[in-house]
Amino acid sequence: PRVEYDCQGVRLTVEYSVDGSRALLTWPDGSDVVKWHRARSGVLDYR
């Protein structure tokens, strides 16, 4: 449910909803809620 990334020097925390339809993105100077959008098989695309 929670994954932390190093995005070229910026730490990004991703907290997924239980069903995976939304995620909260948090970085040092901000945050955003993103929603899953249809993508090809094997790809997750959140906007």
All heavy atoms as atom14 arrays in JSON, in Angstrom:
{
  "sequence": "PRVEYDCQGVRLTVEYSVDGSRALLTWPDGSDVVKWHRARSGVLDYR",
  "atom14_mask": [
    [1, 1, 1, 1, 1, 1, 1, 0, 0, 0, 0, 0, 0, 0],
    [1, 1, 1, 1, 1, 1, 1, 1, 1, 1, 1, 0, 0, 0],
    [1, 1, 1, 1, 1, 1, 1, 0, 0, 0, 0, 0, 0, 0],
    [1, 1, 1, 1, 1, 1, 1, 1, 1, 0, 0, 0, 0, 0],
    [1, 1, 1, 1, 1, 1, 1, 1, 1, 1, 1, 1, 0, 0],
    [1, 1, 1, 1, 1, 1, 1, 1, 0, 0, 0, 0, 0, 0],
    [1, 1, 1, 1, 1, 1, 0, 0, 0, 0, 0, 0, 0, 0],
    [1, 1, 1, 1, 1, 1, 1, 1, 1, 0, 0, 0, 0, 0],
    [1, 1, 1, 1, 0, 0, 0, 0, 0, 0, 0, 0, 0, 0],
    [1, 1, 1, 1, 1, 1, 1, 0, 0, 0, 0, 0, 0, 0],
    [1, 1, 1, 1, 1, 1, 1, 1, 1, 1, 1, 0, 0, 0],
    [1, 1, 1, 1, 1, 1, 1, 1, 0, 0, 0, 0, 0, 0],
    [1, 1, 1, 1, 1, 1, 1, 0, 0, 0, 0, 0, 0, 0],
    [1, 1, 1, 1, 1, 1, 1, 0, 0, 0, 0, 0, 0, 0],
    [1, 1, 1, 1, 1, 1, 1, 1, 1, 0, 0, 0, 0, 0],
    [1, 1, 1, 1, 1, 1, 1, 1, 1, 1, 1, 1, 0, 0],
    [1, 1, 1, 1, 1, 1, 0, 0, 0, 0, 0, 0, 0, 0],
    [1, 1, 1, 1, 1, 1, 1, 0, 0, 0, 0, 0, 0, 0],
    [1, 1, 1, 1, 1, 1, 1, 1, 0, 0, 0, 0, 0, 0],
    [1, 1, 1, 1, 0, 0, 0, 0, 0, 0, 0, 0, 0, 0],
    [1, 1, 1, 1, 1, 1, 0, 0, 0, 0, 0, 0, 0, 0],
    [1, 1, 1, 1, 1, 1, 1, 1, 1, 1, 1, 0, 0, 0],
    [1, 1, 1, 1, 1, 0, 0, 0, 0, 0, 0, 0, 0, 0],
    [1, 1, 1, 1, 1, 1, 1, 1, 0, 0, 0, 0, 0, 0],
    [1, 1, 1, 1, 1, 1, 1, 1, 0, 0, 0, 0, 0, 0],
    [1, 1, 1, 1, 1, 1, 1, 0, 0, 0, 0, 0, 0, 0],
    [1, 1, 1, 1, 1, 1, 1, 1, 1, 1, 1, 1, 1, 1],
    [1, 1, 1, 1, 1, 1, 1, 0, 0, 0, 0, 0, 0, 0],
    [1, 1, 1, 1, 1, 1, 1, 1, 0, 0, 0, 0, 0, 0],
    [1, 1, 1, 1, 0, 0, 0, 0, 0, 0, 0, 0, 0, 0],
    [1, 1, 1, 1, 1, 1, 0, 0, 0, 0, 0, 0, 0, 0],
    [1, 1, 1, 1, 1, 1, 1, 1, 0, 0, 0, 0, 0, 0],
    [1, 1, 1, 1, 1, 1, 1, 0, 0, 0, 0, 0, 0, 0],
    [1, 1, 1, 1, 1, 1, 1, 0, 0, 0, 0, 0, 0, 0],
    [1, 1, 1, 1, 1, 1, 1, 1, 1, 0, 0, 0, 0, 0],
    [1, 1, 1, 1, 1, 1, 1, 1, 1, 1, 1, 1, 1, 1],
    [1, 1, 1, 1, 1, 1, 1, 1, 1, 1, 0, 0, 0, 0],
    [1, 1, 1, 1, 1, 1, 1, 1, 1, 1, 1, 0, 0, 0],
    [1, 1, 1, 1, 1, 0, 0, 0, 0, 0, 0, 0, 0, 0],
    [1, 1, 1, 1, 1, 1, 1, 1, 1, 1, 1, 0, 0, 0],
    [1, 1, 1, 1, 1, 1, 0, 0, 0, 0, 0, 0, 0, 0],
    [1, 1, 1, 1, 0, 0, 0, 0, 0, 0, 0, 0, 0, 0],
    [1, 1, 1, 1, 1, 1, 1, 0, 0, 0, 0, 0, 0, 0],
    [1, 1, 1, 1, 1, 1, 1, 1, 0, 0, 0, 0, 0, 0],
    [1, 1, 1, 1, 1, 1, 1, 1, 0, 0, 0, 0, 0, 0],
    [1, 1, 1, 1, 1, 1, 1, 1, 1, 1, 1, 1, 0, 0],
    [1, 1, 1, 1, 1, 1, 1, 1, 1, 1, 1, 0, 0, 0]
  ],
  "atom14_positions": [
    [[0.8, -1.23, 0.0], [0.0, 0.0, 0.0], [0.83, 1.28, 0.0], [0.33, 2.33, -0.35], [-0.84, -0.1, 1.26], [-0.12, -1.06, 2.14], [0.63, -1.99, 1.24], [0.0, 0.0, 0.0], [0.0, 0.0, 0.0], [0.0, 0.0, 0.0], [0.0, 0.0, 0.0], [0.0, 0.0, 0.0], [0.0, 0.0, 0.0], [0.0, 0.0, 0.0]],
    [[2.1, 1.18, 0.38], [2.95, 2.38, 0.43], [4.32, 2.04, -0.16], [4.94, 1.06, 0.22], [3.1, 2.82, 1.88], [3.98, 4.02, 2.07], [4.13, 4.3, 3.55], [5.17, 5.25, 3.78], [4.99, 6.48, 4.24], [3.78, 6.9, 4.54], [6.0, 7.28, 4.42], [0.0, 0.0, 0.0], [0.0, 0.0, 0.0], [0.0, 0.0, 0.0]],
    [[4.76, 2.88, -1.09], [6.07, 2.69, -1.73], [6.77, 4.05, -1.76], [6.14, 5.07, -2.03], [5.92, 2.16, -3.18], [7.28, 1.92, -3.8], [5.08, 0.89, -3.21], [0.0, 0.0, 0.0], [0.0, 0.0, 0.0], [0.0, 0.0, 0.0], [0.0, 0.0, 0.0], [0.0, 0.0, 0.0], [0.0, 0.0, 0.0], [0.0, 0.0, 0.0]],
    [[8.07, 4.04, -1.48], [8.85, 5.27, -1.55], [9.84, 5.16, -2.71], [10.45, 4.11, -2.92], [9.59, 5.51, -0.24], [8.6, 5.8, 0.87], [9.28, 6.26, 2.14], [10.1, 7.18, 2.08], [8.96, 5.69, 3.19], [0.0, 0.0, 0.0], [0.0, 0.0, 0.0], [0.0, 0.0, 0.0], [0.0, 0.0, 0.0], [0.0, 0.0, 0.0]],
    [[9.96, 6.26, -3.46], [10.83, 6.3, -4.63], [11.83, 7.43, -4.51], [11.59, 8.45, -3.87], [10.0, 6.55, -5.9], [9.08, 5.42, -6.28], [7.71, 5.51, -6.03], [9.56, 4.27, -6.89], [6.85, 4.48, -6.39], [8.71, 3.23, -7.25], [7.36, 3.35, -7.0], [6.52, 2.33, -7.35], [0.0, 0.0, 0.0], [0.0, 0.0, 0.0]],
    [[12.97, 7.24, -5.17], [13.94, 8.29, -5.41], [13.76, 8.68, -6.87], [14.05, 7.9, -7.77], [15.36, 7.76, -5.17], [16.44, 8.78, -5.52], [16.13, 9.85, -6.07], [17.61, 8.49, -5.25], [0.0, 0.0, 0.0], [0.0, 0.0, 0.0], [0.0, 0.0, 0.0], [0.0, 0.0, 0.0], [0.0, 0.0, 0.0], [0.0, 0.0, 0.0]],
    [[13.23, 9.86, -7.08], [12.94, 10.34, -8.44], [13.99, 11.39, -8.81], [13.77, 12.59, -8.66], [11.53, 10.91, -8.51], [10.26, 9.69, -8.13], [0.0, 0.0, 0.0], [0.0, 0.0, 0.0], [0.0, 0.0, 0.0], [0.0, 0.0, 0.0], [0.0, 0.0, 0.0], [0.0, 0.0, 0.0], [0.0, 0.0, 0.0], [0.0, 0.0, 0.0]],
    [[15.13, 10.9, -9.19], [16.26, 11.75, -9.57], [16.54, 12.8, -8.5], [16.62, 13.98, -8.76], [16.02, 12.38, -10.93], [15.96, 11.33, -12.04], [15.62, 11.92, -13.39], [14.45, 12.22, -13.65], [16.62, 12.07, -14.24], [0.0, 0.0, 0.0], [0.0, 0.0, 0.0], [0.0, 0.0, 0.0], [0.0, 0.0, 0.0], [0.0, 0.0, 0.0]],
    [[16.66, 12.31, -7.26], [17.01, 13.18, -6.15], [15.83, 13.71, -5.35], [16.02, 14.34, -4.31], [0.0, 0.0, 0.0], [0.0, 0.0, 0.0], [0.0, 0.0, 0.0], [0.0, 0.0, 0.0], [0.0, 0.0, 0.0], [0.0, 0.0, 0.0], [0.0, 0.0, 0.0], [0.0, 0.0, 0.0], [0.0, 0.0, 0.0], [0.0, 0.0, 0.0]],
    [[14.61, 13.49, -5.8], [13.43, 13.94, -5.06], [12.74, 12.7, -4.5], [12.44, 11.75, -5.23], [12.45, 14.73, -5.96], [11.2, 15.1, -5.19], [13.12, 15.96, -6.53], [0.0, 0.0, 0.0], [0.0, 0.0, 0.0], [0.0, 0.0, 0.0], [0.0, 0.0, 0.0], [0.0, 0.0, 0.0], [0.0, 0.0, 0.0], [0.0, 0.0, 0.0]],
    [[12.49, 12.7, -3.2], [11.83, 11.56, -2.57], [10.32, 11.67, -2.77], [9.71, 12.68, -2.4], [12.16, 11.53, -1.09], [11.75, 10.26, -0.41], [12.33, 10.2, 0.97], [12.05, 8.94, 1.61], [12.65, 8.54, 2.71], [13.57, 9.29, 3.29], [12.33, 7.39, 3.25], [0.0, 0.0, 0.0], [0.0, 0.0, 0.0], [0.0, 0.0, 0.0]],
    [[9.74, 10.62, -3.33], [8.31, 10.57, -3.61], [7.71, 9.39, -2.85], [8.18, 8.26, -2.97], [8.06, 10.39, -5.11], [6.61, 10.22, -5.54], [5.83, 11.52, -5.35], [6.53, 9.75, -7.0], [0.0, 0.0, 0.0], [0.0, 0.0, 0.0], [0.0, 0.0, 0.0], [0.0, 0.0, 0.0], [0.0, 0.0, 0.0], [0.0, 0.0, 0.0]],
    [[6.67, 9.65, -2.06], [5.95, 8.59, -1.36], [4.61, 8.4, -2.05], [3.89, 9.36, -2.33], [5.71, 8.97, 0.12], [6.98, 9.19, 0.74], [4.97, 7.87, 0.86], [0.0, 0.0, 0.0], [0.0, 0.0, 0.0], [0.0, 0.0, 0.0], [0.0, 0.0, 0.0], [0.0, 0.0, 0.0], [0.0, 0.0, 0.0], [0.0, 0.0, 0.0]],
    [[4.28, 7.14, -2.35], [3.02, 6.8, -3.01], [2.23, 5.9, -2.06], [2.72, 4.85, -1.66], [3.26, 6.07, -4.35], [1.94, 5.73, -5.02], [4.14, 6.92, -5.28], [0.0, 0.0, 0.0], [0.0, 0.0, 0.0], [0.0, 0.0, 0.0], [0.0, 0.0, 0.0], [0.0, 0.0, 0.0], [0.0, 0.0, 0.0], [0.0, 0.0, 0.0]],
    [[1.04, 6.34, -1.7], [0.15, 5.56, -0.84], [-1.09, 5.23, -1.65], [-1.87, 6.12, -2.0], [-0.2, 6.33, 0.42], [1.01, 6.6, 1.29], [0.68, 7.36, 2.55], [-0.03, 6.78, 3.41], [1.1, 8.52, 2.66], [0.0, 0.0, 0.0], [0.0, 0.0, 0.0], [0.0, 0.0, 0.0], [0.0, 0.0, 0.0], [0.0, 0.0, 0.0]],
    [[-1.27, 3.95, -1.96], [-2.38, 3.49, -2.79], [-3.63, 3.24, -1.97], [-3.55, 2.8, -0.82], [-2.01, 2.18, -3.5], [-0.87, 2.33, -4.49], [0.43, 2.01, -4.14], [-1.11, 2.79, -5.77], [1.47, 2.13, -5.04], [-0.08, 2.92, -6.68], [1.21, 2.6, -6.31], [2.23, 2.73, -7.21], [0.0, 0.0, 0.0], [0.0, 0.0, 0.0]],
    [[-4.79, 3.47, -2.59], [-6.05, 3.08, -1.95], [-6.13, 1.56, -1.94], [-5.4, 0.87, -2.66], [-7.23, 3.69, -2.7], [-7.3, 3.18, -4.02], [0.0, 0.0, 0.0], [0.0, 0.0, 0.0], [0.0, 0.0, 0.0], [0.0, 0.0, 0.0], [0.0, 0.0, 0.0], [0.0, 0.0, 0.0], [0.0, 0.0, 0.0], [0.0, 0.0, 0.0]],
    [[-7.02, 1.01, -1.15], [-7.16, -0.44, -1.01], [-7.41, -1.11, -2.36], [-6.85, -2.17, -2.65], [-8.29, -0.78, -0.01], [-8.57, -2.27, 0.02], [-7.94, -0.27, 1.37], [0.0, 0.0, 0.0], [0.0, 0.0, 0.0], [0.0, 0.0, 0.0], [0.0, 0.0, 0.0], [0.0, 0.0, 0.0], [0.0, 0.0, 0.0], [0.0, 0.0, 0.0]],
    [[-8.23, -0.51, -3.22], [-8.54, -1.13, -4.51], [-7.6, -0.7, -5.63], [-7.72, -1.16, -6.76], [-9.99, -0.87, -4.9], [-10.28, 0.6, -5.16], [-9.38, 1.46, -5.01], [-11.44, 0.91, -5.5], [0.0, 0.0, 0.0], [0.0, 0.0, 0.0], [0.0, 0.0, 0.0], [0.0, 0.0, 0.0], [0.0, 0.0, 0.0], [0.0, 0.0, 0.0]],
    [[-6.65, 0.19, -5.35], [-5.69, 0.62, -6.36], [-6.22, 1.68, -7.31], [-5.52, 2.07, -8.25], [0.0, 0.0, 0.0], [0.0, 0.0, 0.0], [0.0, 0.0, 0.0], [0.0, 0.0, 0.0], [0.0, 0.0, 0.0], [0.0, 0.0, 0.0], [0.0, 0.0, 0.0], [0.0, 0.0, 0.0], [0.0, 0.0, 0.0], [0.0, 0.0, 0.0]],
    [[-7.42, 2.2, -7.09], [-8.0, 3.16, -8.03], [-7.48, 4.59, -7.83], [-7.62, 5.43, -8.71], [-9.52, 3.16, -7.94], [-9.93, 3.64, -6.66], [0.0, 0.0, 0.0], [0.0, 0.0, 0.0], [0.0, 0.0, 0.0], [0.0, 0.0, 0.0], [0.0, 0.0, 0.0], [0.0, 0.0, 0.0], [0.0, 0.0, 0.0], [0.0, 0.0, 0.0]],
    [[-6.89, 4.87, -6.69], [-6.34, 6.19, -6.38], [-5.02, 6.03, -5.64], [-4.75, 4.99, -5.05], [-7.28, 6.99, -5.47], [-8.59, 7.34, -6.07], [-9.48, 7.98, -5.01], [-10.81, 8.16, -5.52], [-11.29, 9.32, -5.92], [-10.57, 10.39, -5.85], [-12.51, 9.41, -6.39], [0.0, 0.0, 0.0], [0.0, 0.0, 0.0], [0.0, 0.0, 0.0]],
    [[-4.25, 7.1, -5.67], [-3.01, 7.11, -4.9], [-2.73, 8.53, -4.44], [-3.04, 9.5, -5.15], [-1.84, 6.6, -5.74], [0.0, 0.0, 0.0], [0.0, 0.0, 0.0], [0.0, 0.0, 0.0], [0.0, 0.0, 0.0], [0.0, 0.0, 0.0], [0.0, 0.0, 0.0], [0.0, 0.0, 0.0], [0.0, 0.0, 0.0], [0.0, 0.0, 0.0]],
    [[-2.17, 8.63, -3.25], [-1.72, 9.92, -2.74], [-0.23, 10.01, -2.99], [0.53, 9.15, -2.52], [-2.02, 10.04, -1.24], [-1.4, 11.25, -0.53], [-1.96, 12.56, -1.08], [-1.63, 11.16, 0.97], [0.0, 0.0, 0.0], [0.0, 0.0, 0.0], [0.0, 0.0, 0.0], [0.0, 0.0, 0.0], [0.0, 0.0, 0.0], [0.0, 0.0, 0.0]],
    [[0.19, 11.02, -3.74], [1.61, 11.27, -3.99], [2.04, 12.38, -3.07], [1.4, 13.42, -2.99], [1.84, 11.7, -5.44], [1.28, 10.82, -6.55], [1.67, 11.4, -7.91], [1.73, 9.39, -6.41], [0.0, 0.0, 0.0], [0.0, 0.0, 0.0], [0.0, 0.0, 0.0], [0.0, 0.0, 0.0], [0.0, 0.0, 0.0], [0.0, 0.0, 0.0]],
    [[3.15, 12.18, -2.36], [3.68, 13.2, -1.46], [5.17, 13.36, -1.74], [5.89, 12.37, -1.84], [3.48, 12.79, 0.01], [2.11, 12.47, 0.23], [3.88, 13.91, 0.95], [0.0, 0.0, 0.0], [0.0, 0.0, 0.0], [0.0, 0.0, 0.0], [0.0, 0.0, 0.0], [0.0, 0.0, 0.0], [0.0, 0.0, 0.0], [0.0, 0.0, 0.0]],
    [[5.6, 14.6, -1.88], [7.01, 14.92, -2.07], [7.35, 16.08, -1.15], [6.45, 16.64, -0.52], [7.31, 15.21, -3.55], [6.5, 16.3, -4.17], [6.84, 17.62, -4.27], [5.2, 16.2, -4.77], [5.86, 18.34, -4.89], [4.82, 17.49, -5.21], [4.31, 15.15, -4.98], [3.62, 17.75, -5.85], [3.11, 15.41, -5.61], [2.77, 16.7, -6.04]],
    [[8.63, 16.45, -1.0], [9.01, 17.43, 0.02], [8.23, 18.75, 0.02], [7.98, 19.3, 1.08], [10.5, 17.67, -0.24], [10.96, 16.37, -0.81], [9.81, 15.89, -1.66], [0.0, 0.0, 0.0], [0.0, 0.0, 0.0], [0.0, 0.0, 0.0], [0.0, 0.0, 0.0], [0.0, 0.0, 0.0], [0.0, 0.0, 0.0], [0.0, 0.0, 0.0]],
    [[7.83, 19.24, -1.13], [7.15, 20.54, -1.14], [5.73, 20.47, -1.7], [5.19, 21.47, -2.17], [7.98, 21.59, -1.89], [8.21, 21.24, -3.36], [7.92, 20.1, -3.76], [8.7, 22.11, -4.09], [0.0, 0.0, 0.0], [0.0, 0.0, 0.0], [0.0, 0.0, 0.0], [0.0, 0.0, 0.0], [0.0, 0.0, 0.0], [0.0, 0.0, 0.0]],
    [[5.09, 19.29, -1.63], [3.71, 19.22, -2.12], [3.13, 17.83, -2.07], [3.75, 16.87, -1.62], [0.0, 0.0, 0.0], [0.0, 0.0, 0.0], [0.0, 0.0, 0.0], [0.0, 0.0, 0.0], [0.0, 0.0, 0.0], [0.0, 0.0, 0.0], [0.0, 0.0, 0.0], [0.0, 0.0, 0.0], [0.0, 0.0, 0.0], [0.0, 0.0, 0.0]],
    [[1.89, 17.74, -2.55], [1.2, 16.46, -2.63], [0.07, 16.58, -3.65], [-0.33, 17.68, -4.03], [0.65, 16.04, -1.26], [-0.35, 16.95, -0.85], [0.0, 0.0, 0.0], [0.0, 0.0, 0.0], [0.0, 0.0, 0.0], [0.0, 0.0, 0.0], [0.0, 0.0, 0.0], [0.0, 0.0, 0.0], [0.0, 0.0, 0.0], [0.0, 0.0, 0.0]],
    [[-0.44, 15.44, -4.08], [-1.53, 15.4, -5.05], [-2.2, 14.04, -4.95], [-1.54, 13.04, -4.68], [-1.0, 15.63, -6.47], [-2.08, 15.97, -7.49], [-3.22, 16.28, -7.1], [-1.77, 15.96, -8.7], [0.0, 0.0, 0.0], [0.0, 0.0, 0.0], [0.0, 0.0, 0.0], [0.0, 0.0, 0.0], [0.0, 0.0, 0.0], [0.0, 0.0, 0.0]],
    [[-3.51, 14.01, -5.15], [-4.24, 12.75, -5.26], [-4.41, 12.47, -6.74], [-4.86, 13.33, -7.49], [-5.61, 12.83, -4.55], [-6.42, 11.56, -4.81], [-5.43, 13.06, -3.06], [0.0, 0.0, 0.0], [0.0, 0.0, 0.0], [0.0, 0.0, 0.0], [0.0, 0.0, 0.0], [0.0, 0.0, 0.0], [0.0, 0.0, 0.0], [0.0, 0.0, 0.0]],
    [[-4.01, 11.27, -7.15], [-4.12, 10.89, -8.56], [-5.08, 9.71, -8.69], [-5.23, 8.91, -7.77], [-2.73, 10.56, -9.15], [-1.86, 11.8, -9.23], [-2.02, 9.48, -8.34], [0.0, 0.0, 0.0], [0.0, 0.0, 0.0], [0.0, 0.0, 0.0], [0.0, 0.0, 0.0], [0.0, 0.0, 0.0], [0.0, 0.0, 0.0], [0.0, 0.0, 0.0]],
    [[-5.74, 9.64, -9.84], [-6.71, 8.57, -10.1], [-6.2, 7.71, -11.24], [-5.6, 8.21, -12.19], [-8.06, 9.17, -10.48], [-8.69, 9.98, -9.39], [-9.99, 10.58, -9.86], [-10.54, 11.53, -8.82], [-11.71, 12.26, -9.29], [0.0, 0.0, 0.0], [0.0, 0.0, 0.0], [0.0, 0.0, 0.0], [0.0, 0.0, 0.0], [0.0, 0.0, 0.0]],
    [[-6.49, 6.42, -11.14], [-6.11, 5.48, -12.19], [-6.86, 5.8, -13.48], [-8.05, 6.12, -13.46], [-6.44, 4.05, -11.73], [-6.15, 3.03, -12.78], [-4.94, 2.48, -13.06], [-7.07, 2.46, -13.7], [-5.06, 1.58, -14.09], [-6.36, 1.56, -14.51], [-8.44, 2.63, -13.93], [-6.96, 0.82, -15.52], [-9.03, 1.9, -14.94], [-8.3, 1.01, -15.71]],
    [[-6.15, 5.72, -14.6], [-6.74, 5.88, -15.92], [-6.42, 4.64, -16.74], [-5.37, 4.02, -16.57], [-6.19, 7.12, -16.64], [-6.79, 8.38, -16.13], [-7.82, 9.02, -16.76], [-6.52, 9.1, -15.02], [-8.15, 10.1, -16.07], [-7.38, 10.16, -15.0], [0.0, 0.0, 0.0], [0.0, 0.0, 0.0], [0.0, 0.0, 0.0], [0.0, 0.0, 0.0]],
    [[-7.32, 4.33, -17.64], [-7.14, 3.15, -18.49], [-5.81, 3.23, -19.23], [-5.44, 4.27, -19.76], [-8.28, 3.07, -19.5], [-8.24, 1.85, -20.36], [-9.38, 1.87, -21.34], [-10.62, 2.13, -20.6], [-11.69, 1.36, -20.64], [-11.7, 0.32, -21.41], [-12.76, 1.65, -19.95], [0.0, 0.0, 0.0], [0.0, 0.0, 0.0], [0.0, 0.0, 0.0]],
    [[-5.1, 2.13, -19.24], [-3.84, 2.02, -19.95], [-3.73, 0.6, -20.49], [-4.55, -0.26, -20.17], [-2.67, 2.33, -19.02], [0.0, 0.0, 0.0], [0.0, 0.0, 0.0], [0.0, 0.0, 0.0], [0.0, 0.0, 0.0], [0.0, 0.0, 0.0], [0.0, 0.0, 0.0], [0.0, 0.0, 0.0], [0.0, 0.0, 0.0], [0.0, 0.0, 0.0]],
    [[-2.71, 0.35, -21.3], [-2.57, -1.0, -21.83], [-2.22, -1.99, -20.7], [-1.79, -1.58, -19.63], [-1.53, -1.02, -22.95], [-0.12, -0.8, -22.54], [0.8, -0.75, -23.76], [2.18, -0.68, -23.37], [2.8, 0.42, -22.99], [2.16, 1.57, -22.96], [4.08, 0.4, -22.65], [0.0, 0.0, 0.0], [0.0, 0.0, 0.0], [0.0, 0.0, 0.0]],
    [[-2.39, -3.24, -20.98], [-2.17, -4.28, -19.99], [-0.76, -4.2, -19.4], [0.21, -3.99, -20.11], [-2.38, -5.65, -20.65], [-2.17, -6.67, -19.72], [0.0, 0.0, 0.0], [0.0, 0.0, 0.0], [0.0, 0.0, 0.0], [0.0, 0.0, 0.0], [0.0, 0.0, 0.0], [0.0, 0.0, 0.0], [0.0, 0.0, 0.0], [0.0, 0.0, 0.0]],
    [[-0.67, -4.36, -18.08], [0.62, -4.34, -17.41], [1.15, -2.96, -17.1], [2.24, -2.81, -16.57], [0.0, 0.0, 0.0], [0.0, 0.0, 0.0], [0.0, 0.0, 0.0], [0.0, 0.0, 0.0], [0.0, 0.0, 0.0], [0.0, 0.0, 0.0], [0.0, 0.0, 0.0], [0.0, 0.0, 0.0], [0.0, 0.0, 0.0], [0.0, 0.0, 0.0]],
    [[0.38, -1.92, -17.43], [0.81, -0.55, -17.19], [-0.17, 0.11, -16.22], [-1.37, -0.05, -16.35], [0.83, 0.26, -18.52], [1.16, 1.71, -18.26], [1.8, -0.35, -19.5], [0.0, 0.0, 0.0], [0.0, 0.0, 0.0], [0.0, 0.0, 0.0], [0.0, 0.0, 0.0], [0.0, 0.0, 0.0], [0.0, 0.0, 0.0], [0.0, 0.0, 0.0]],
    [[0.37, 0.82, -15.25], [-0.46, 1.61, -14.35], [-0.24, 3.08, -14.69], [0.9, 3.53, -14.79], [-0.1, 1.36, -12.89], [-0.46, -0.02, -12.36], [0.08, -0.2, -10.95], [-1.97, -0.22, -12.37], [0.0, 0.0, 0.0], [0.0, 0.0, 0.0], [0.0, 0.0, 0.0], [0.0, 0.0, 0.0], [0.0, 0.0, 0.0], [0.0, 0.0, 0.0]],
    [[-1.32, 3.79, -14.89], [-1.26, 5.2, -15.26], [-2.2, 5.97, -14.35], [-3.4, 5.72, -14.34], [-1.67, 5.36, -16.73], [-1.33, 6.72, -17.29], [-0.35, 7.33, -16.83], [-2.04, 7.16, -18.21], [0.0, 0.0, 0.0], [0.0, 0.0, 0.0], [0.0, 0.0, 0.0], [0.0, 0.0, 0.0], [0.0, 0.0, 0.0], [0.0, 0.0, 0.0]],
    [[-1.64, 6.84, -13.53], [-2.43, 7.65, -12.6], [-2.27, 9.11, -12.96], [-1.16, 9.57, -13.26], [-1.93, 7.45, -11.16], [-2.24, 6.09, -10.58], [-1.37, 5.02, -10.75], [-3.4, 5.89, -9.85], [-1.65, 3.78, -10.2], [-3.69, 4.65, -9.31], [-2.82, 3.6, -9.49], [-3.1, 2.38, -8.94], [0.0, 0.0, 0.0], [0.0, 0.0, 0.0]],
    [[-3.37, 9.87, -12.91], [-3.32, 11.3, -13.23], [-4.11, 12.1, -12.21], [-5.17, 11.68, -11.76], [-3.93, 11.56, -14.61], [-3.19, 10.86, -15.72], [-3.82, 11.14, -17.05], [-3.43, 10.09, -17.98], [-4.08, 9.8, -19.08], [-5.18, 10.47, -19.38], [-3.65, 8.85, -19.87], [0.0, 0.0, 0.0], [0.0, 0.0, 0.0], [0.0, 0.0, 0.0]]
  ]
}
